[in-house]
Amino acid sequence: MAEAGTLHDAFIDELRDAYDAEKQLTKALPKLARASSNPQLREAFETHLQETEEQIARLEQVFDLLEEKVRGKHCDGIAGIIEEGKSVMGEDFDETTMDACLIASGQRAEHYEMAAYGTLVAWAQAMGHTEAAELLQQTLDEEKAADEKLTALAEGGINREAADAAHPDEGEEDEDGEEDEDEKEEEGKEKPVAVSSTAKKAPAKGGRR
């Protein structure tokens, strides 16, 4: 009967999965950059490509520290995310909508990696692999920063521009709606009641007999 695997075995398996994921991303990120029309988005993908190459070198350091062979294991998860990204790039979207979709694709990859590296850091710390944990934490911090950058670009104008292109008359309708509401409010106000100048005064009570 084969001996059951340990957390160390699972850790090495996850490292190899992450190593392959980063290798796949070095081929996917240039495509995302080329498909971007927003200069800042293109720069964000190009910057993260450089970080990804450094992350690969960092993983190789971790393998060396653990005296394990540097080898990847096909990462089905990231492969699926990359395939979805390719499908999006094949759509006939306007430029800003495409940029919004590219951000979504990029963040799917970032969130996958954040989950993976979060697990690797926790396991490394639990097993006392302090130096490996520190190296992996550097990568985790970079993934979080890349995700935050994409969020800032989306919220900084790309999503709004794409939404305005999808519903160009929405702003005008909102303004018209506000004007209608104002008119209704004015009409709904009570008008002052006019008192007739010919109105007779009621006779006073308790007069003299």
Protein backbone atom coordinates (compact mmCIF):
# COMPACT_ATOMS: atom_id res chain seq x y z
CA MET A 1 0.00 0.00 0.00
CA ALA A 2 1.43 3.36 -1.05
CA GLU A 3 2.33 5.79 1.68
CA ALA A 4 -0.13 8.69 2.05
CA GLY A 5 1.06 12.08 0.90
CA THR A 6 1.80 14.87 3.36
CA LEU A 7 1.26 18.64 3.42
CA HIS A 8 4.80 18.97 2.06
CA ASP A 9 3.79 16.93 -0.99
CA ALA A 10 0.69 19.08 -1.50
CA PHE A 11 2.84 22.19 -1.12
CA ILE A 12 5.27 21.09 -3.84
CA ASP A 13 2.33 20.17 -6.07
CA GLU A 14 0.88 23.68 -5.63
CA LEU A 15 4.25 25.26 -6.31
CA ARG A 16 4.49 23.40 -9.61
CA ASP A 17 0.95 24.43 -10.48
CA ALA A 18 1.84 28.10 -9.79
CA TYR A 19 5.05 27.80 -11.79
CA ASP A 20 3.15 26.56 -14.83
CA ALA A 21 0.48 29.25 -14.37
CA GLU A 22 3.12 32.00 -14.46
CA LYS A 23 4.68 30.46 -17.57
CA GLN A 24 1.29 30.48 -19.31
CA LEU A 25 0.71 34.11 -18.30
CA THR A 26 3.98 35.25 -19.86
CA LYS A 27 2.39 34.30 -23.19
CA ALA A 28 -1.08 35.67 -22.42
CA LEU A 29 -0.18 39.11 -21.00
CA PRO A 30 1.42 40.46 -24.22
CA LYS A 31 -1.81 39.61 -26.06
CA LEU A 32 -3.87 41.49 -23.48
CA ALA A 33 -1.54 44.48 -23.82
CA ARG A 34 -1.79 44.51 -27.61
CA ALA A 35 -5.59 44.32 -27.48
CA SER A 36 -5.82 47.32 -25.11
CA SER A 37 -6.66 50.73 -26.55
CA ASN A 38 -6.22 52.62 -23.26
CA PRO A 39 -2.49 53.50 -22.85
CA GLN A 40 -2.57 53.11 -19.07
CA LEU A 41 -4.18 49.69 -19.33
CA ARG A 42 -1.59 48.60 -21.89
CA GLU A 43 1.17 49.79 -19.56
CA ALA A 44 -0.38 47.93 -16.62
CA PHE A 45 -0.32 44.63 -18.55
CA GLU A 46 3.24 45.24 -19.75
CA THR A 47 4.40 46.07 -16.22
CA HIS A 48 2.80 42.94 -14.84
CA LEU A 49 4.49 40.88 -17.53
CA GLN A 50 7.87 42.03 -16.14
CA GLU A 51 6.68 41.18 -12.62
CA THR A 52 5.54 37.74 -13.79
CA GLU A 53 8.99 36.96 -15.14
CA GLU A 54 10.45 37.95 -11.76
CA GLN A 55 7.86 35.78 -10.02
CA ILE A 56 9.01 32.78 -12.07
CA ALA A 57 12.59 33.38 -10.90
CA ARG A 58 11.32 33.68 -7.34
CA LEU A 59 9.54 30.33 -7.57
CA GLU A 60 12.76 28.77 -8.83
CA GLN A 61 14.46 30.12 -5.69
CA VAL A 62 11.79 28.46 -3.57
CA PHE A 63 12.36 25.12 -5.31
CA ASP A 64 16.10 25.45 -4.65
CA LEU A 65 15.51 26.25 -0.97
CA LEU A 66 13.42 23.10 -0.63
CA GLU A 67 15.92 21.06 -2.68
CA GLU A 68 13.20 20.17 -5.16
CA LYS A 69 13.47 19.93 -8.94
CA VAL A 70 12.21 22.99 -10.80
CA ARG A 71 9.29 21.63 -12.73
CA GLY A 72 5.80 22.81 -13.63
CA LYS A 73 2.53 20.91 -13.54
CA HIS A 74 -0.09 21.93 -16.11
CA CYS A 75 -2.43 24.44 -14.44
CA ASP A 76 -5.91 23.76 -15.79
CA GLY A 77 -7.38 26.66 -13.82
CA ILE A 78 -5.31 29.42 -15.40
CA ALA A 79 -5.55 27.72 -18.78
CA GLY A 80 -9.33 28.04 -18.63
CA ILE A 81 -9.14 31.70 -17.62
CA ILE A 82 -6.73 32.43 -20.48
CA GLU A 83 -9.02 30.63 -22.93
CA GLU A 84 -11.93 32.81 -21.78
CA GLY A 85 -9.77 35.87 -22.36
CA LYS A 86 -9.00 34.73 -25.91
CA SER A 87 -12.71 34.32 -26.55
CA VAL A 88 -13.37 37.89 -25.36
CA MET A 89 -10.67 39.28 -27.63
CA GLY A 90 -12.43 37.66 -30.56
CA GLU A 91 -15.61 39.65 -29.94
CA ASP A 92 -16.51 42.70 -32.04
CA PHE A 93 -16.73 45.21 -29.17
CA ASP A 94 -16.07 48.94 -29.30
CA GLU A 95 -12.65 49.95 -27.94
CA THR A 96 -13.72 51.03 -24.45
CA THR A 97 -15.95 47.98 -23.97
CA MET A 98 -13.05 45.77 -25.02
CA ASP A 99 -10.81 47.49 -22.44
CA ALA A 100 -13.45 46.87 -19.73
CA CYS A 101 -13.60 43.18 -20.74
CA LEU A 102 -9.80 42.90 -20.78
CA ILE A 103 -9.71 44.25 -17.23
CA ALA A 104 -12.26 41.60 -16.21
CA SER A 105 -10.11 38.89 -17.82
CA GLY A 106 -6.97 40.19 -16.15
CA GLN A 107 -8.65 40.29 -12.75
CA ARG A 108 -9.90 36.73 -13.07
CA ALA A 109 -6.27 35.67 -13.44
CA GLU A 110 -5.15 37.90 -10.55
CA HIS A 111 -7.81 36.54 -8.19
CA TYR A 112 -6.86 32.96 -9.09
CA GLU A 113 -3.21 33.70 -8.33
CA MET A 114 -4.02 35.57 -5.13
CA ALA A 115 -5.85 32.50 -3.86
CA ALA A 116 -3.00 30.20 -4.90
CA TYR A 117 -0.22 32.29 -3.36
CA GLY A 118 -2.25 32.92 -0.21
CA THR A 119 -2.41 29.16 0.30
CA LEU A 120 1.29 28.70 -0.46
CA VAL A 121 2.30 31.41 2.04
CA ALA A 122 0.09 29.90 4.76
CA TRP A 123 1.45 26.38 4.19
CA ALA A 124 5.06 27.55 4.05
CA GLN A 125 4.65 29.39 7.34
CA ALA A 126 2.93 26.41 8.97
CA MET A 127 5.80 24.08 7.99
CA GLY A 128 8.50 26.53 9.08
CA HIS A 129 9.75 27.39 5.58
CA THR A 130 10.29 31.00 6.59
CA GLU A 131 12.47 32.12 3.68
CA ALA A 132 10.19 30.47 1.14
CA ALA A 133 7.17 32.12 2.78
CA GLU A 134 8.81 35.54 2.48
CA LEU A 135 9.51 35.04 -1.23
CA LEU A 136 5.98 33.86 -1.87
CA GLN A 137 4.57 36.79 0.11
CA GLN A 138 6.40 39.19 -2.22
CA THR A 139 4.61 37.64 -5.15
CA LEU A 140 1.26 37.70 -3.35
CA ASP A 141 1.72 41.43 -2.66
CA GLU A 142 2.49 42.05 -6.34
CA GLU A 143 -0.64 40.18 -7.43
CA LYS A 144 -2.77 42.26 -5.04
CA ALA A 145 -1.20 45.49 -6.32
CA ALA A 146 -1.82 44.47 -9.94
CA ASP A 147 -5.45 43.73 -9.13
CA GLU A 148 -5.87 47.10 -7.40
CA LYS A 149 -4.33 48.86 -10.42
CA LEU A 150 -6.87 47.24 -12.74
CA THR A 151 -9.70 48.20 -10.39
CA ALA A 152 -8.47 51.82 -10.35
CA LEU A 153 -8.42 51.93 -14.16
CA ALA A 154 -11.92 50.44 -14.39
CA GLU A 155 -13.38 52.80 -11.80
CA GLY A 156 -11.33 55.73 -13.04
CA GLY A 157 -13.23 56.05 -16.29
CA ILE A 158 -13.14 52.92 -18.47
CA ASN A 159 -16.33 51.39 -17.07
CA ARG A 160 -18.15 54.74 -17.18
CA GLU A 161 -17.13 55.38 -20.79
CA ALA A 162 -18.22 51.89 -21.82
CA ALA A 163 -21.55 52.34 -20.02
CA ASP A 164 -22.14 55.74 -21.65
CA ALA A 165 -21.45 54.21 -25.06
CA ALA A 166 -23.97 51.44 -24.32
CA HIS A 167 -26.67 53.89 -23.14
CA PRO A 168 -25.91 57.25 -24.81
CA ASP A 169 -29.37 58.76 -24.06
CA GLU A 170 -29.47 57.80 -20.42
CA GLY A 171 -27.95 61.07 -19.22
CA GLU A 172 -30.50 63.13 -21.16
CA GLU A 173 -33.36 61.00 -19.84
CA ASP A 174 -32.18 61.55 -16.27
CA GLU A 175 -32.13 65.32 -16.79
CA ASP A 176 -35.63 65.27 -18.33
CA GLY A 177 -36.86 63.15 -15.47
CA GLU A 178 -35.53 65.63 -12.93
CA GLU A 179 -37.24 68.52 -14.73
CA ASP A 180 -40.58 66.64 -14.77
CA GLU A 181 -40.30 65.98 -11.04
CA ASP A 182 -39.63 69.68 -10.39
CA GLU A 183 -42.72 70.63 -12.40
CA LYS A 184 -44.87 68.18 -10.48
CA GLU A 185 -43.61 69.56 -7.20
CA GLU A 186 -44.49 73.09 -8.27
CA GLU A 187 -47.97 72.02 -9.40
CA GLY A 188 -48.52 70.13 -6.18
CA LYS A 189 -47.89 73.14 -3.96
CA GLU A 190 -51.05 74.59 -2.39
CA LYS A 191 -52.13 77.88 -3.83
CA PRO A 192 -53.05 80.64 -1.33
CA VAL A 193 -56.81 80.96 -0.81
CA ALA A 194 -58.12 84.39 -1.87
CA VAL A 195 -60.39 86.10 0.68
CA SER A 196 -63.33 87.95 -0.84
CA SER A 197 -63.52 91.65 -0.02
CA THR A 198 -67.33 91.35 0.16
CA ALA A 199 -67.31 88.69 2.85
CA LYS A 200 -69.46 89.77 5.80
CA LYS A 201 -68.22 89.62 9.31
CA ALA A 202 -70.08 87.27 11.64
CA PRO A 203 -72.12 89.19 14.24
CA ALA A 204 -70.43 89.41 17.59
CA LYS A 205 -71.88 87.32 20.39
CA GLY A 206 -72.74 88.70 23.85
CA GLY A 207 -73.81 92.13 22.68
CA ARG A 208 -75.98 94.55 24.79
CA ARG A 209 -79.74 94.02 24.94
